């Protein structure tokens, strides 16, 4: 059941990311400094890497939750939010700060990290 929970949590977060970036595609491309013509949607590699990464994150979150005795939906959501907001986001902010990326890009990508991790936490607890 643990592996299934990790996969479903990864799928849920990945699906949210698809919606998030479809809605924010134009602002994201503008902030990233790329054009529609430069986006190669036919290349599966970024999608595969993204999904594998979601599985890795969900797997580690499940491990952390088990070791920390996180068992309720609320605890899962709060813990997922905390991991996104206070672990993933500071790394994004640091990387983008040193590479002079626009703050708008930081907000878009950090927003996905926070909400995506919150969704993972919720799904992991729903399937516990």
C-alpha atoms as a PDB file:
ATOM      1  CA  UNK A   1       0.000   0.000   0.000  1.00  0.00           C
ATOM      2  CA  UNK A   2       2.918   2.361   0.684  1.00  0.00           C
ATOM      3  CA  UNK A   3       4.216   2.239  -2.883  1.00  0.00           C
ATOM      4  CA  UNK A   4       0.727   2.806  -4.250  1.00  0.00           C
ATOM      5  CA  UNK A   5       0.246   5.812  -1.936  1.00  0.00           C
ATOM      6  CA  UNK A   6       3.543   7.295  -3.134  1.00  0.00           C
ATOM      7  CA  UNK A   7       2.583   6.830  -6.789  1.00  0.00           C
ATOM      8  CA  UNK A   8      -0.915   8.299  -6.317  1.00  0.00           C
ATOM      9  CA  UNK A   9       0.505  11.252  -4.344  1.00  0.00           C
ATOM     10  CA  UNK A  10       3.029  11.861  -7.128  1.00  0.00           C
ATOM     11  CA  UNK A  11       0.283  11.677  -9.774  1.00  0.00           C
ATOM     12  CA  UNK A  12      -1.912  14.121  -7.815  1.00  0.00           C
ATOM     13  CA  UNK A  13       0.898  16.646  -7.423  1.00  0.00           C
ATOM     14  CA  UNK A  14       1.990  16.192 -11.044  1.00  0.00           C
ATOM     15  CA  UNK A  15      -1.589  16.728 -12.256  1.00  0.00           C
ATOM     16  CA  UNK A  16      -1.869  19.860 -10.148  1.00  0.00           C
ATOM     17  CA  UNK A  17       1.404  21.062 -11.678  1.00  0.00           C
ATOM     18  CA  UNK A  18       0.021  20.518 -15.173  1.00  0.00           C
ATOM     19  CA  UNK A  19      -2.977  22.704 -14.368  1.00  0.00           C
ATOM     20  CA  UNK A  20      -0.833  25.273 -12.509  1.00  0.00           C
ATOM     21  CA  UNK A  21       1.564  25.721 -15.401  1.00  0.00           C
ATOM     22  CA  UNK A  22      -1.181  25.686 -18.050  1.00  0.00           C
ATOM     23  CA  UNK A  23      -2.869  28.556 -16.237  1.00  0.00           C
ATOM     24  CA  UNK A  24       0.419  30.387 -15.652  1.00  0.00           C
ATOM     25  CA  UNK A  25       2.116  29.451 -18.950  1.00  0.00           C
ATOM     26  CA  UNK A  26       2.370  32.951 -20.371  1.00  0.00           C
ATOM     27  CA  UNK A  27       3.585  34.644 -17.154  1.00  0.00           C
ATOM     28  CA  UNK A  28       5.985  31.743 -16.527  1.00  0.00           C
ATOM     29  CA  UNK A  29       7.473  31.944 -20.047  1.00  0.00           C
ATOM     30  CA  UNK A  30       7.823  35.722 -19.761  1.00  0.00           C
ATOM     31  CA  UNK A  31       9.534  35.426 -16.373  1.00  0.00           C
ATOM     32  CA  UNK A  32      11.751  32.560 -17.581  1.00  0.00           C
ATOM     33  CA  UNK A  33      12.701  34.566 -20.654  1.00  0.00           C
ATOM     34  CA  UNK A  34      11.575  31.982 -23.187  1.00  0.00           C
ATOM     35  CA  UNK A  35       9.110  32.145 -26.041  1.00  0.00           C
ATOM     36  CA  UNK A  36       6.378  29.750 -27.093  1.00  0.00           C
ATOM     37  CA  UNK A  37       8.539  28.744 -30.067  1.00  0.00           C
ATOM     38  CA  UNK A  38      11.352  27.673 -27.718  1.00  0.00           C
ATOM     39  CA  UNK A  39       9.124  25.297 -25.753  1.00  0.00           C
ATOM     40  CA  UNK A  40       9.475  21.790 -27.177  1.00  0.00           C
ATOM     41  CA  UNK A  41       6.328  20.016 -25.972  1.00  0.00           C
ATOM     42  CA  UNK A  42       7.176  16.988 -28.121  1.00  0.00           C
ATOM     43  CA  UNK A  43      10.248  16.193 -25.998  1.00  0.00           C
ATOM     44  CA  UNK A  44       9.091  13.794 -23.266  1.00  0.00           C
ATOM     45  CA  UNK A  45      12.269  14.148 -21.194  1.00  0.00           C
ATOM     46  CA  UNK A  46      11.195  17.119 -18.998  1.00  0.00           C
ATOM     47  CA  UNK A  47       7.850  15.441 -18.271  1.00  0.00           C
ATOM     48  CA  UNK A  48       9.514  12.153 -17.355  1.00  0.00           C
ATOM     49  CA  UNK A  49      12.086  13.889 -15.147  1.00  0.00           C
ATOM     50  CA  UNK A  50       9.312  15.862 -13.470  1.00  0.00           C
ATOM     51  CA  UNK A  51       7.237  12.761 -12.754  1.00  0.00           C
ATOM     52  CA  UNK A  52      10.192  10.747 -11.458  1.00  0.00           C
ATOM     53  CA  UNK A  53      11.072  13.711  -9.238  1.00  0.00           C
ATOM     54  CA  UNK A  54       7.505  13.775  -7.910  1.00  0.00           C
ATOM     55  CA  UNK A  55       7.800  10.076  -7.024  1.00  0.00           C
ATOM     56  CA  UNK A  56      11.096  10.720  -5.212  1.00  0.00           C
ATOM     57  CA  UNK A  57       9.582  13.614  -3.237  1.00  0.00           C
ATOM     58  CA  UNK A  58       6.430  11.663  -2.368  1.00  0.00           C
ATOM     59  CA  UNK A  59       8.533   8.689  -1.289  1.00  0.00           C
ATOM     60  CA  UNK A  60      10.662  10.814   0.998  1.00  0.00           C
ATOM     61  CA  UNK A  61       7.589  12.561   2.376  1.00  0.00           C
ATOM     62  CA  UNK A  62       6.037   9.180   3.184  1.00  0.00           C
ATOM     63  CA  UNK A  63       9.218   8.165   4.987  1.00  0.00           C
ATOM     64  CA  UNK A  64       9.335  11.424   6.964  1.00  0.00           C
ATOM     65  CA  UNK A  65       5.659  11.093   7.859  1.00  0.00           C
ATOM     66  CA  UNK A  66       6.125   7.524   9.079  1.00  0.00           C
ATOM     67  CA  UNK A  67       9.175   8.444  11.169  1.00  0.00           C
ATOM     68  CA  UNK A  68       7.398  11.493  12.610  1.00  0.00           C
ATOM     69  CA  UNK A  69       4.126   9.679  13.384  1.00  0.00           C
ATOM     70  CA  UNK A  70       2.137  11.985  11.109  1.00  0.00           C
ATOM     71  CA  UNK A  71      -1.215  10.233  10.765  1.00  0.00           C
ATOM     72  CA  UNK A  72      -4.066  12.705  10.238  1.00  0.00           C
ATOM     73  CA  UNK A  73      -5.137  14.546   7.095  1.00  0.00           C
ATOM     74  CA  UNK A  74      -4.426  17.872   8.769  1.00  0.00           C
ATOM     75  CA  UNK A  75      -0.946  16.796   9.874  1.00  0.00           C
ATOM     76  CA  UNK A  76      -0.206  15.539   6.366  1.00  0.00           C
ATOM     77  CA  UNK A  77      -1.324  18.777   4.766  1.00  0.00           C
ATOM     78  CA  UNK A  78       0.493  21.003   7.258  1.00  0.00           C
ATOM     79  CA  UNK A  79       3.650  18.918   6.983  1.00  0.00           C
ATOM     80  CA  UNK A  80       3.482  18.945   3.182  1.00  0.00           C
ATOM     81  CA  UNK A  81       2.935  22.700   3.241  1.00  0.00           C
ATOM     82  CA  UNK A  82       5.887  23.114   5.600  1.00  0.00           C
ATOM     83  CA  UNK A  83       8.190  21.017   3.440  1.00  0.00           C
ATOM     84  CA  UNK A  84       7.210  23.005   0.350  1.00  0.00           C
ATOM     85  CA  UNK A  85       7.345  26.402   2.039  1.00  0.00           C
ATOM     86  CA  UNK A  86      10.343  25.938   4.316  1.00  0.00           C
ATOM     87  CA  UNK A  87      12.510  23.356   2.517  1.00  0.00           C
ATOM     88  CA  UNK A  88      11.837  23.560  -1.244  1.00  0.00           C
ATOM     89  CA  UNK A  89      11.070  27.270  -1.527  1.00  0.00           C
ATOM     90  CA  UNK A  90      14.245  28.534   0.165  1.00  0.00           C
ATOM     91  CA  UNK A  91      16.321  26.451  -2.267  1.00  0.00           C
ATOM     92  CA  UNK A  92      14.389  27.882  -5.212  1.00  0.00           C
ATOM     93  CA  UNK A  93      14.809  31.423  -3.850  1.00  0.00           C
ATOM     94  CA  UNK A  94      18.551  30.880  -3.356  1.00  0.00           C
ATOM     95  CA  UNK A  95      19.106  29.400  -6.817  1.00  0.00           C
ATOM     96  CA  UNK A  96      17.033  32.037  -8.570  1.00  0.00           C
ATOM     97  CA  UNK A  97      18.602  34.830  -6.532  1.00  0.00           C
ATOM     98  CA  UNK A  98      22.123  33.859  -7.568  1.00  0.00           C
ATOM     99  CA  UNK A  99      21.102  33.399 -11.191  1.00  0.00           C
ATOM    100  CA  UNK A 100      19.292  36.760 -11.297  1.00  0.00           C
ATOM    101  CA  UNK A 101      15.977  35.163 -12.222  1.00  0.00           C
ATOM    102  CA  UNK A 102      12.898  37.396 -11.930  1.00  0.00           C
ATOM    103  CA  UNK A 103      11.047  37.295  -8.624  1.00  0.00           C
ATOM    104  CA  UNK A 104       7.840  36.490 -10.528  1.00  0.00           C
ATOM    105  CA  UNK A 105       9.425  33.218 -11.663  1.00  0.00           C
ATOM    106  CA  UNK A 106      10.356  32.487  -8.053  1.00  0.00           C
ATOM    107  CA  UNK A 107       6.752  33.024  -6.984  1.00  0.00           C
ATOM    108  CA  UNK A 108       5.308  30.809  -9.717  1.00  0.00           C
ATOM    109  CA  UNK A 109       7.717  27.922  -9.166  1.00  0.00           C
ATOM    110  CA  UNK A 110       7.634  28.210  -5.369  1.00  0.00           C
ATOM    111  CA  UNK A 111       3.856  28.291  -5.446  1.00  0.00           C
ATOM    112  CA  UNK A 112       3.871  24.961  -7.240  1.00  0.00           C
ATOM    113  CA  UNK A 113       6.329  23.503  -4.724  1.00  0.00           C
ATOM    114  CA  UNK A 114       4.219  24.590  -1.752  1.00  0.00           C
ATOM    115  CA  UNK A 115       0.821  23.594  -3.111  1.00  0.00           C
ATOM    116  CA  UNK A 116       2.145  20.422  -4.751  1.00  0.00           C
ATOM    117  CA  UNK A 117       3.750  19.252  -1.491  1.00  0.00           C
ATOM    118  CA  UNK A 118       0.553  20.078   0.405  1.00  0.00           C
ATOM    119  CA  UNK A 119      -1.412  17.928  -2.053  1.00  0.00           C
ATOM    120  CA  UNK A 120       1.121  15.116  -1.644  1.00  0.00           C
ATOM    121  CA  UNK A 121       0.740  15.269   2.124  1.00  0.00           C
ATOM    122  CA  UNK A 122      -3.038  15.134   1.845  1.00  0.00           C
ATOM    123  CA  UNK A 123      -3.010  12.161  -0.542  1.00  0.00           C
ATOM    124  CA  UNK A 124      -0.442  10.264   1.524  1.00  0.00           C
ATOM    125  CA  UNK A 125      -2.669  10.583   4.587  1.00  0.00           C
ATOM    126  CA  UNK A 126      -5.828   9.710   2.644  1.00  0.00           C
ATOM    127  CA  UNK A 127      -4.163   6.460   1.603  1.00  0.00           C
ATOM    128  CA  UNK A 128      -2.505   5.674   4.944  1.00  0.00           C
END
